[in-house]
Amino acid sequence: DVPSLIAWELRDGAYAQVAMVTGD
């Protein structure tokens, strides 16, 4: 609906956000 994407990667057993992008 926004459109957007949030990405997390596992670091030391927990997710760390590596990206948050919207639109183009």
mmCIF file of all heavy atoms, coordinates in Angstrom:
data_MODEL
# 
_entry.id   MODEL 
# 
loop_
_atom_site.group_PDB 
_atom_site.id 
_atom_site.type_symbol 
_atom_site.label_atom_id 
_atom_site.label_alt_id 
_atom_site.label_comp_id 
_atom_site.label_asym_id 
_atom_site.label_entity_id 
_atom_site.label_seq_id 
_atom_site.pdbx_PDB_ins_code 
_atom_site.Cartn_x 
_atom_site.Cartn_y 
_atom_site.Cartn_z 
_atom_site.occupancy 
_atom_site.B_iso_or_equiv 
_atom_site.pdbx_formal_charge 
_atom_site.auth_seq_id 
_atom_site.auth_comp_id 
_atom_site.auth_asym_id 
_atom_site.auth_atom_id 
_atom_site.pdbx_PDB_model_num 
ATOM 1   N N   . ASP A 1 1  ? 0.809  -1.210  0.000  1.00 0.00 ? 1  ASP A N   1 
ATOM 2   C CA  . ASP A 1 1  ? 0.000  0.000   0.000  1.00 0.00 ? 1  ASP A CA  1 
ATOM 3   C C   . ASP A 1 1  ? 0.846  1.266   0.000  1.00 0.00 ? 1  ASP A C   1 
ATOM 4   O O   . ASP A 1 1  ? 0.395  2.305   -0.472 1.00 0.00 ? 1  ASP A O   1 
ATOM 5   C CB  . ASP A 1 1  ? -0.946 0.000   1.204  1.00 0.00 ? 1  ASP A CB  1 
ATOM 6   C CG  . ASP A 1 1  ? -1.995 -1.086  1.087  1.00 0.00 ? 1  ASP A CG  1 
ATOM 7   O OD1 . ASP A 1 1  ? -2.369 -1.445  -0.054 1.00 0.00 ? 1  ASP A OD1 1 
ATOM 8   O OD2 . ASP A 1 1  ? -2.427 -1.610  2.125  1.00 0.00 ? 1  ASP A OD2 1 
ATOM 9   N N   . VAL A 1 2  ? 2.090  1.220   0.495  1.00 0.00 ? 2  VAL A N   1 
ATOM 10  C CA  . VAL A 1 2  ? 2.902  2.437   0.596  1.00 0.00 ? 2  VAL A CA  1 
ATOM 11  C C   . VAL A 1 2  ? 3.562  2.823   -0.723 1.00 0.00 ? 2  VAL A C   1 
ATOM 12  O O   . VAL A 1 2  ? 3.449  3.985   -1.089 1.00 0.00 ? 2  VAL A O   1 
ATOM 13  C CB  . VAL A 1 2  ? 3.896  2.333   1.772  1.00 0.00 ? 2  VAL A CB  1 
ATOM 14  C CG1 . VAL A 1 2  ? 4.868  3.502   1.789  1.00 0.00 ? 2  VAL A CG1 1 
ATOM 15  C CG2 . VAL A 1 2  ? 3.130  2.248   3.084  1.00 0.00 ? 2  VAL A CG2 1 
ATOM 16  N N   . PRO A 1 3  ? 4.203  2.007   -1.537 1.00 0.00 ? 3  PRO A N   1 
ATOM 17  C CA  . PRO A 1 3  ? 4.882  0.742   -1.322 1.00 0.00 ? 3  PRO A CA  1 
ATOM 18  C C   . PRO A 1 3  ? 6.244  0.933   -0.634 1.00 0.00 ? 3  PRO A C   1 
ATOM 19  O O   . PRO A 1 3  ? 6.916  1.932   -0.858 1.00 0.00 ? 3  PRO A O   1 
ATOM 20  C CB  . PRO A 1 3  ? 5.052  0.183   -2.727 1.00 0.00 ? 3  PRO A CB  1 
ATOM 21  C CG  . PRO A 1 3  ? 5.093  1.388   -3.605 1.00 0.00 ? 3  PRO A CG  1 
ATOM 22  C CD  . PRO A 1 3  ? 4.259  2.440   -2.926 1.00 0.00 ? 3  PRO A CD  1 
ATOM 23  N N   . SER A 1 4  ? 6.618  -0.083  0.177  1.00 0.00 ? 4  SER A N   1 
ATOM 24  C CA  . SER A 1 4  ? 7.885  -0.015  0.902  1.00 0.00 ? 4  SER A CA  1 
ATOM 25  C C   . SER A 1 4  ? 8.407  -1.412  1.191  1.00 0.00 ? 4  SER A C   1 
ATOM 26  O O   . SER A 1 4  ? 7.667  -2.394  1.096  1.00 0.00 ? 4  SER A O   1 
ATOM 27  C CB  . SER A 1 4  ? 7.710  0.759   2.211  1.00 0.00 ? 4  SER A CB  1 
ATOM 28  O OG  . SER A 1 4  ? 6.833  0.062   3.072  1.00 0.00 ? 4  SER A OG  1 
ATOM 29  N N   . LEU A 1 5  ? 9.679  -1.463  1.547  1.00 0.00 ? 5  LEU A N   1 
ATOM 30  C CA  . LEU A 1 5  ? 10.332 -2.714  1.904  1.00 0.00 ? 5  LEU A CA  1 
ATOM 31  C C   . LEU A 1 5  ? 11.248 -2.441  3.087  1.00 0.00 ? 5  LEU A C   1 
ATOM 32  O O   . LEU A 1 5  ? 12.022 -1.477  3.067  1.00 0.00 ? 5  LEU A O   1 
ATOM 33  C CB  . LEU A 1 5  ? 11.146 -3.250  0.729  1.00 0.00 ? 5  LEU A CB  1 
ATOM 34  C CG  . LEU A 1 5  ? 11.889 -4.562  0.914  1.00 0.00 ? 5  LEU A CG  1 
ATOM 35  C CD1 . LEU A 1 5  ? 12.013 -5.293  -0.420 1.00 0.00 ? 5  LEU A CD1 1 
ATOM 36  C CD2 . LEU A 1 5  ? 13.256 -4.406  1.524  1.00 0.00 ? 5  LEU A CD2 1 
ATOM 37  N N   . ILE A 1 6  ? 11.130 -3.279  4.106  1.00 0.00 ? 6  ILE A N   1 
ATOM 38  C CA  . ILE A 1 6  ? 12.066 -3.254  5.239  1.00 0.00 ? 6  ILE A CA  1 
ATOM 39  C C   . ILE A 1 6  ? 12.783 -4.590  5.225  1.00 0.00 ? 6  ILE A C   1 
ATOM 40  O O   . ILE A 1 6  ? 12.144 -5.645  5.099  1.00 0.00 ? 6  ILE A O   1 
ATOM 41  C CB  . ILE A 1 6  ? 11.354 -3.056  6.588  1.00 0.00 ? 6  ILE A CB  1 
ATOM 42  C CG1 . ILE A 1 6  ? 10.543 -1.769  6.584  1.00 0.00 ? 6  ILE A CG1 1 
ATOM 43  C CG2 . ILE A 1 6  ? 12.368 -3.049  7.735  1.00 0.00 ? 6  ILE A CG2 1 
ATOM 44  C CD1 . ILE A 1 6  ? 9.675  -1.580  7.819  1.00 0.00 ? 6  ILE A CD1 1 
ATOM 45  N N   . ALA A 1 7  ? 14.108 -4.558  5.350  1.00 0.00 ? 7  ALA A N   1 
ATOM 46  C CA  . ALA A 1 7  ? 14.917 -5.778  5.351  1.00 0.00 ? 7  ALA A CA  1 
ATOM 47  C C   . ALA A 1 7  ? 15.717 -5.860  6.639  1.00 0.00 ? 7  ALA A C   1 
ATOM 48  O O   . ALA A 1 7  ? 16.280 -4.861  7.098  1.00 0.00 ? 7  ALA A O   1 
ATOM 49  C CB  . ALA A 1 7  ? 15.852 -5.790  4.149  1.00 0.00 ? 7  ALA A CB  1 
ATOM 50  N N   . TRP A 1 8  ? 15.732 -7.060  7.202  1.00 0.00 ? 8  TRP A N   1 
ATOM 51  C CA  . TRP A 1 8  ? 16.529 -7.346  8.381  1.00 0.00 ? 8  TRP A CA  1 
ATOM 52  C C   . TRP A 1 8  ? 17.477 -8.494  8.062  1.00 0.00 ? 8  TRP A C   1 
ATOM 53  O O   . TRP A 1 8  ? 17.148 -9.377  7.269  1.00 0.00 ? 8  TRP A O   1 
ATOM 54  C CB  . TRP A 1 8  ? 15.655 -7.788  9.555  1.00 0.00 ? 8  TRP A CB  1 
ATOM 55  C CG  . TRP A 1 8  ? 14.739 -6.739  10.092 1.00 0.00 ? 8  TRP A CG  1 
ATOM 56  C CD1 . TRP A 1 8  ? 15.014 -5.802  11.051 1.00 0.00 ? 8  TRP A CD1 1 
ATOM 57  C CD2 . TRP A 1 8  ? 13.369 -6.520  9.741  1.00 0.00 ? 8  TRP A CD2 1 
ATOM 58  N NE1 . TRP A 1 8  ? 13.907 -5.020  11.288 1.00 0.00 ? 8  TRP A NE1 1 
ATOM 59  C CE2 . TRP A 1 8  ? 12.880 -5.445  10.504 1.00 0.00 ? 8  TRP A CE2 1 
ATOM 60  C CE3 . TRP A 1 8  ? 12.505 -7.142  8.832  1.00 0.00 ? 8  TRP A CE3 1 
ATOM 61  C CZ2 . TRP A 1 8  ? 11.583 -4.980  10.401 1.00 0.00 ? 8  TRP A CZ2 1 
ATOM 62  C CZ3 . TRP A 1 8  ? 11.207 -6.678  8.720  1.00 0.00 ? 8  TRP A CZ3 1 
ATOM 63  C CH2 . TRP A 1 8  ? 10.766 -5.613  9.502  1.00 0.00 ? 8  TRP A CH2 1 
ATOM 64  N N   . GLU A 1 9  ? 18.646 -8.474  8.695  1.00 0.00 ? 9  GLU A N   1 
ATOM 65  C CA  . GLU A 1 9  ? 19.588 -9.589  8.607  1.00 0.00 ? 9  GLU A CA  1 
ATOM 66  C C   . GLU A 1 9  ? 19.979 -9.998  10.006 1.00 0.00 ? 9  GLU A C   1 
ATOM 67  O O   . GLU A 1 9  ? 20.042 -9.165  10.920 1.00 0.00 ? 9  GLU A O   1 
ATOM 68  C CB  . GLU A 1 9  ? 20.817 -9.199  7.787  1.00 0.00 ? 9  GLU A CB  1 
ATOM 69  C CG  . GLU A 1 9  ? 20.506 -9.017  6.316  1.00 0.00 ? 9  GLU A CG  1 
ATOM 70  C CD  . GLU A 1 9  ? 21.720 -8.703  5.469  1.00 0.00 ? 9  GLU A CD  1 
ATOM 71  O OE1 . GLU A 1 9  ? 22.858 -8.643  6.006  1.00 0.00 ? 9  GLU A OE1 1 
ATOM 72  O OE2 . GLU A 1 9  ? 21.536 -8.499  4.250  1.00 0.00 ? 9  GLU A OE2 1 
ATOM 73  N N   . LEU A 1 10 ? 20.227 -11.288 10.152 1.00 0.00 ? 10 LEU A N   1 
ATOM 74  C CA  . LEU A 1 10 ? 20.571 -11.845 11.445 1.00 0.00 ? 10 LEU A CA  1 
ATOM 75  C C   . LEU A 1 10 ? 21.998 -11.458 11.815 1.00 0.00 ? 10 LEU A C   1 
ATOM 76  O O   . LEU A 1 10 ? 22.934 -11.676 11.041 1.00 0.00 ? 10 LEU A O   1 
ATOM 77  C CB  . LEU A 1 10 ? 20.432 -13.372 11.380 1.00 0.00 ? 10 LEU A CB  1 
ATOM 78  C CG  . LEU A 1 10 ? 20.206 -14.101 12.678 1.00 0.00 ? 10 LEU A CG  1 
ATOM 79  C CD1 . LEU A 1 10 ? 18.965 -13.590 13.406 1.00 0.00 ? 10 LEU A CD1 1 
ATOM 80  C CD2 . LEU A 1 10 ? 20.085 -15.596 12.425 1.00 0.00 ? 10 LEU A CD2 1 
ATOM 81  N N   . ARG A 1 11 ? 22.142 -10.858 12.986 1.00 0.00 ? 11 ARG A N   1 
ATOM 82  C CA  . ARG A 1 11 ? 23.455 -10.462 13.514 1.00 0.00 ? 11 ARG A CA  1 
ATOM 83  C C   . ARG A 1 11 ? 23.495 -10.829 14.984 1.00 0.00 ? 11 ARG A C   1 
ATOM 84  O O   . ARG A 1 11 ? 22.686 -10.333 15.772 1.00 0.00 ? 11 ARG A O   1 
ATOM 85  C CB  . ARG A 1 11 ? 23.669 -8.954  13.355 1.00 0.00 ? 11 ARG A CB  1 
ATOM 86  C CG  . ARG A 1 11 ? 23.482 -8.470  11.928 1.00 0.00 ? 11 ARG A CG  1 
ATOM 87  C CD  . ARG A 1 11 ? 24.756 -7.915  11.353 1.00 0.00 ? 11 ARG A CD  1 
ATOM 88  N NE  . ARG A 1 11 ? 24.635 -7.693  9.917  1.00 0.00 ? 11 ARG A NE  1 
ATOM 89  C CZ  . ARG A 1 11 ? 24.311 -6.539  9.346  1.00 0.00 ? 11 ARG A CZ  1 
ATOM 90  N NH1 . ARG A 1 11 ? 24.075 -5.491  10.090 1.00 0.00 ? 11 ARG A NH1 1 
ATOM 91  N NH2 . ARG A 1 11 ? 24.248 -6.457  8.022  1.00 0.00 ? 11 ARG A NH2 1 
ATOM 92  N N   . ASP A 1 12 ? 24.391 -11.712 15.347 1.00 0.00 ? 12 ASP A N   1 
ATOM 93  C CA  . ASP A 1 12 ? 24.525 -12.165 16.739 1.00 0.00 ? 12 ASP A CA  1 
ATOM 94  C C   . ASP A 1 12 ? 23.202 -12.661 17.309 1.00 0.00 ? 12 ASP A C   1 
ATOM 95  O O   . ASP A 1 12 ? 22.838 -12.352 18.442 1.00 0.00 ? 12 ASP A O   1 
ATOM 96  C CB  . ASP A 1 12 ? 25.108 -11.053 17.621 1.00 0.00 ? 12 ASP A CB  1 
ATOM 97  C CG  . ASP A 1 12 ? 26.499 -10.635 17.172 1.00 0.00 ? 12 ASP A CG  1 
ATOM 98  O OD1 . ASP A 1 12 ? 27.288 -11.525 16.783 1.00 0.00 ? 12 ASP A OD1 1 
ATOM 99  O OD2 . ASP A 1 12 ? 26.794 -9.426  17.195 1.00 0.00 ? 12 ASP A OD2 1 
ATOM 100 N N   . GLY A 1 13 ? 22.460 -13.410 16.521 1.00 0.00 ? 13 GLY A N   1 
ATOM 101 C CA  . GLY A 1 13 ? 21.226 -14.041 16.980 1.00 0.00 ? 13 GLY A CA  1 
ATOM 102 C C   . GLY A 1 13 ? 19.990 -13.159 16.989 1.00 0.00 ? 13 GLY A C   1 
ATOM 103 O O   . GLY A 1 13 ? 18.927 -13.592 17.418 1.00 0.00 ? 13 GLY A O   1 
ATOM 104 N N   . ALA A 1 14 ? 20.113 -11.913 16.514 1.00 0.00 ? 14 ALA A N   1 
ATOM 105 C CA  . ALA A 1 14 ? 18.953 -11.011 16.476 1.00 0.00 ? 14 ALA A CA  1 
ATOM 106 C C   . ALA A 1 14 ? 18.935 -10.293 15.123 1.00 0.00 ? 14 ALA A C   1 
ATOM 107 O O   . ALA A 1 14 ? 19.975 -10.109 14.494 1.00 0.00 ? 14 ALA A O   1 
ATOM 108 C CB  . ALA A 1 14 ? 19.034 -9.990  17.603 1.00 0.00 ? 14 ALA A CB  1 
ATOM 109 N N   . TYR A 1 15 ? 17.733 -9.884  14.714 1.00 0.00 ? 15 TYR A N   1 
ATOM 110 C CA  . TYR A 1 15 ? 17.634 -9.160  13.452 1.00 0.00 ? 15 TYR A CA  1 
ATOM 111 C C   . TYR A 1 15 ? 18.039 -7.708  13.635 1.00 0.00 ? 15 TYR A C   1 
ATOM 112 O O   . TYR A 1 15 ? 17.622 -7.041  14.577 1.00 0.00 ? 15 TYR A O   1 
ATOM 113 C CB  . TYR A 1 15 ? 16.206 -9.214  12.893 1.00 0.00 ? 15 TYR A CB  1 
ATOM 114 C CG  . TYR A 1 15 ? 15.892 -10.495 12.162 1.00 0.00 ? 15 TYR A CG  1 
ATOM 115 C CD1 . TYR A 1 15 ? 14.707 -11.160 12.385 1.00 0.00 ? 15 TYR A CD1 1 
ATOM 116 C CD2 . TYR A 1 15 ? 16.775 -11.037 11.231 1.00 0.00 ? 15 TYR A CD2 1 
ATOM 117 C CE1 . TYR A 1 15 ? 14.399 -12.331 11.707 1.00 0.00 ? 15 TYR A CE1 1 
ATOM 118 C CE2 . TYR A 1 15 ? 16.487 -12.198 10.553 1.00 0.00 ? 15 TYR A CE2 1 
ATOM 119 C CZ  . TYR A 1 15 ? 15.300 -12.842 10.793 1.00 0.00 ? 15 TYR A CZ  1 
ATOM 120 O OH  . TYR A 1 15 ? 15.016 -13.996 10.116 1.00 0.00 ? 15 TYR A OH  1 
ATOM 121 N N   . ALA A 1 16 ? 18.854 -7.239  12.691 1.00 0.00 ? 16 ALA A N   1 
ATOM 122 C CA  . ALA A 1 16 ? 19.233 -5.839  12.598 1.00 0.00 ? 16 ALA A CA  1 
ATOM 123 C C   . ALA A 1 16 ? 18.690 -5.319  11.278 1.00 0.00 ? 16 ALA A C   1 
ATOM 124 O O   . ALA A 1 16 ? 18.846 -5.971  10.231 1.00 0.00 ? 16 ALA A O   1 
ATOM 125 C CB  . ALA A 1 16 ? 20.748 -5.679  12.643 1.00 0.00 ? 16 ALA A CB  1 
ATOM 126 N N   . GLN A 1 17 ? 18.027 -4.164  11.312 1.00 0.00 ? 17 GLN A N   1 
ATOM 127 C CA  . GLN A 1 17 ? 17.491 -3.592  10.088 1.00 0.00 ? 17 GLN A CA  1 
ATOM 128 C C   . GLN A 1 17 ? 18.640 -3.140  9.204  1.00 0.00 ? 17 GLN A C   1 
ATOM 129 O O   . GLN A 1 17 ? 19.511 -2.396  9.638  1.00 0.00 ? 17 GLN A O   1 
ATOM 130 C CB  . GLN A 1 17 ? 16.570 -2.415  10.404 1.00 0.00 ? 17 GLN A CB  1 
ATOM 131 C CG  . GLN A 1 17 ? 15.882 -1.853  9.179  1.00 0.00 ? 17 GLN A CG  1 
ATOM 132 C CD  . GLN A 1 17 ? 14.874 -0.772  9.521  1.00 0.00 ? 17 GLN A CD  1 
ATOM 133 O OE1 . GLN A 1 17 ? 14.048 -0.959  10.404 1.00 0.00 ? 17 GLN A OE1 1 
ATOM 134 N NE2 . GLN A 1 17 ? 14.974 0.348   8.831  1.00 0.00 ? 17 GLN A NE2 1 
ATOM 135 N N   . VAL A 1 18 ? 18.636 -3.589  7.941  1.00 0.00 ? 18 VAL A N   1 
ATOM 136 C CA  . VAL A 1 18 ? 19.696 -3.230  6.999  1.00 0.00 ? 18 VAL A CA  1 
ATOM 137 C C   . VAL A 1 18 ? 19.192 -2.320  5.891  1.00 0.00 ? 18 VAL A C   1 
ATOM 138 O O   . VAL A 1 18 ? 19.996 -1.735  5.166  1.00 0.00 ? 18 VAL A O   1 
ATOM 139 C CB  . VAL A 1 18 ? 20.393 -4.476  6.398  1.00 0.00 ? 18 VAL A CB  1 
ATOM 140 C CG1 . VAL A 1 18 ? 21.119 -5.255  7.485  1.00 0.00 ? 18 VAL A CG1 1 
ATOM 141 C CG2 . VAL A 1 18 ? 19.412 -5.358  5.649  1.00 0.00 ? 18 VAL A CG2 1 
ATOM 142 N N   . ALA A 1 19 ? 17.869 -2.210  5.756  1.00 0.00 ? 19 ALA A N   1 
ATOM 143 C CA  . ALA A 1 19 ? 17.323 -1.334  4.714  1.00 0.00 ? 19 ALA A CA  1 
ATOM 144 C C   . ALA A 1 19 ? 15.878 -1.009  5.009  1.00 0.00 ? 19 ALA A C   1 
ATOM 145 O O   . ALA A 1 19 ? 15.146 -1.803  5.597  1.00 0.00 ? 19 ALA A O   1 
ATOM 146 C CB  . ALA A 1 19 ? 17.420 -1.992  3.343  1.00 0.00 ? 19 ALA A CB  1 
ATOM 147 N N   . MET A 1 20 ? 15.494 0.200   4.589  1.00 0.00 ? 20 MET A N   1 
ATOM 148 C CA  . MET A 1 20 ? 14.095 0.611   4.556  1.00 0.00 ? 20 MET A CA  1 
ATOM 149 C C   . MET A 1 20 ? 13.981 1.533   3.355  1.00 0.00 ? 20 MET A C   1 
ATOM 150 O O   . MET A 1 20 ? 14.529 2.636   3.359  1.00 0.00 ? 20 MET A O   1 
ATOM 151 C CB  . MET A 1 20 ? 13.668 1.335   5.822  1.00 0.00 ? 20 MET A CB  1 
ATOM 152 C CG  . MET A 1 20 ? 12.214 1.723   5.792  1.00 0.00 ? 20 MET A CG  1 
ATOM 153 S SD  . MET A 1 20 ? 11.725 2.401   7.374  1.00 0.00 ? 20 MET A SD  1 
ATOM 154 C CE  . MET A 1 20 ? 10.105 2.983   6.959  1.00 0.00 ? 20 MET A CE  1 
ATOM 155 N N   . VAL A 1 21 ? 13.316 1.037   2.317  1.00 0.00 ? 21 VAL A N   1 
ATOM 156 C CA  . VAL A 1 21 ? 13.183 1.806   1.085  1.00 0.00 ? 21 VAL A CA  1 
ATOM 157 C C   . VAL A 1 21 ? 11.710 1.956   0.738  1.00 0.00 ? 21 VAL A C   1 
ATOM 158 O O   . VAL A 1 21 ? 10.890 1.098   1.082  1.00 0.00 ? 21 VAL A O   1 
ATOM 159 C CB  . VAL A 1 21 ? 13.961 1.160   -0.089 1.00 0.00 ? 21 VAL A CB  1 
ATOM 160 C CG1 . VAL A 1 21 ? 15.461 1.190   0.168  1.00 0.00 ? 21 VAL A CG1 1 
ATOM 161 C CG2 . VAL A 1 21 ? 13.490 -0.254  -0.368 1.00 0.00 ? 21 VAL A CG2 1 
ATOM 162 N N   . THR A 1 22 ? 11.391 3.053   0.072  1.00 0.00 ? 22 THR A N   1 
ATOM 163 C CA  . THR A 1 22 ? 10.011 3.303   -0.350 1.00 0.00 ? 22 THR A CA  1 
ATOM 164 C C   . THR A 1 22 ? 9.992  3.697   -1.818 1.00 0.00 ? 22 THR A C   1 
ATOM 165 O O   . THR A 1 22 ? 10.992 4.173   -2.367 1.00 0.00 ? 22 THR A O   1 
ATOM 166 C CB  . THR A 1 22 ? 9.359  4.427   0.484  1.00 0.00 ? 22 THR A CB  1 
ATOM 167 O OG1 . THR A 1 22 ? 10.114 5.622   0.309  1.00 0.00 ? 22 THR A OG1 1 
ATOM 168 C CG2 . THR A 1 22 ? 9.291  4.065   1.949  1.00 0.00 ? 22 THR A CG2 1 
ATOM 169 N N   . GLY A 1 23 ? 8.826  3.501   -2.433 1.00 0.00 ? 23 GLY A N   1 
ATOM 170 C CA  . GLY A 1 23 ? 8.615  3.942   -3.814 1.00 0.00 ? 23 GLY A CA  1 
ATOM 171 C C   . GLY A 1 23 ? 9.635  3.396   -4.777 1.00 0.00 ? 23 GLY A C   1 
ATOM 172 O O   . GLY A 1 23 ? 9.876  2.192   -4.831 1.00 0.00 ? 23 GLY A O   1 
ATOM 173 N N   . ASP A 1 24 ? 10.271 4.297   -5.514 1.00 0.00 ? 24 ASP A N   1 
ATOM 174 C CA  . ASP A 1 24 ? 11.246 3.910   -6.538 1.00 0.00 ? 24 ASP A CA  1 
ATOM 175 C C   . ASP A 1 24 ? 12.655 3.712   -5.996 1.00 0.00 ? 24 ASP A C   1 
ATOM 176 O O   . ASP A 1 24 ? 13.565 3.389   -6.768 1.00 0.00 ? 24 ASP A O   1 
ATOM 177 C CB  . ASP A 1 24 ? 11.283 4.965   -7.647 1.00 0.00 ? 24 ASP A CB  1 
ATOM 178 C CG  . ASP A 1 24 ? 10.006 4.980   -8.467 1.00 0.00 ? 24 ASP A CG  1 
ATOM 179 O OD1 . ASP A 1 24 ? 9.429  3.887   -8.672 1.00 0.00 ? 24 ASP A OD1 1 
ATOM 180 O OD2 . ASP A 1 24 ? 9.569  6.074   -8.877 1.00 0.00 ? 24 ASP A OD2 1 
# 
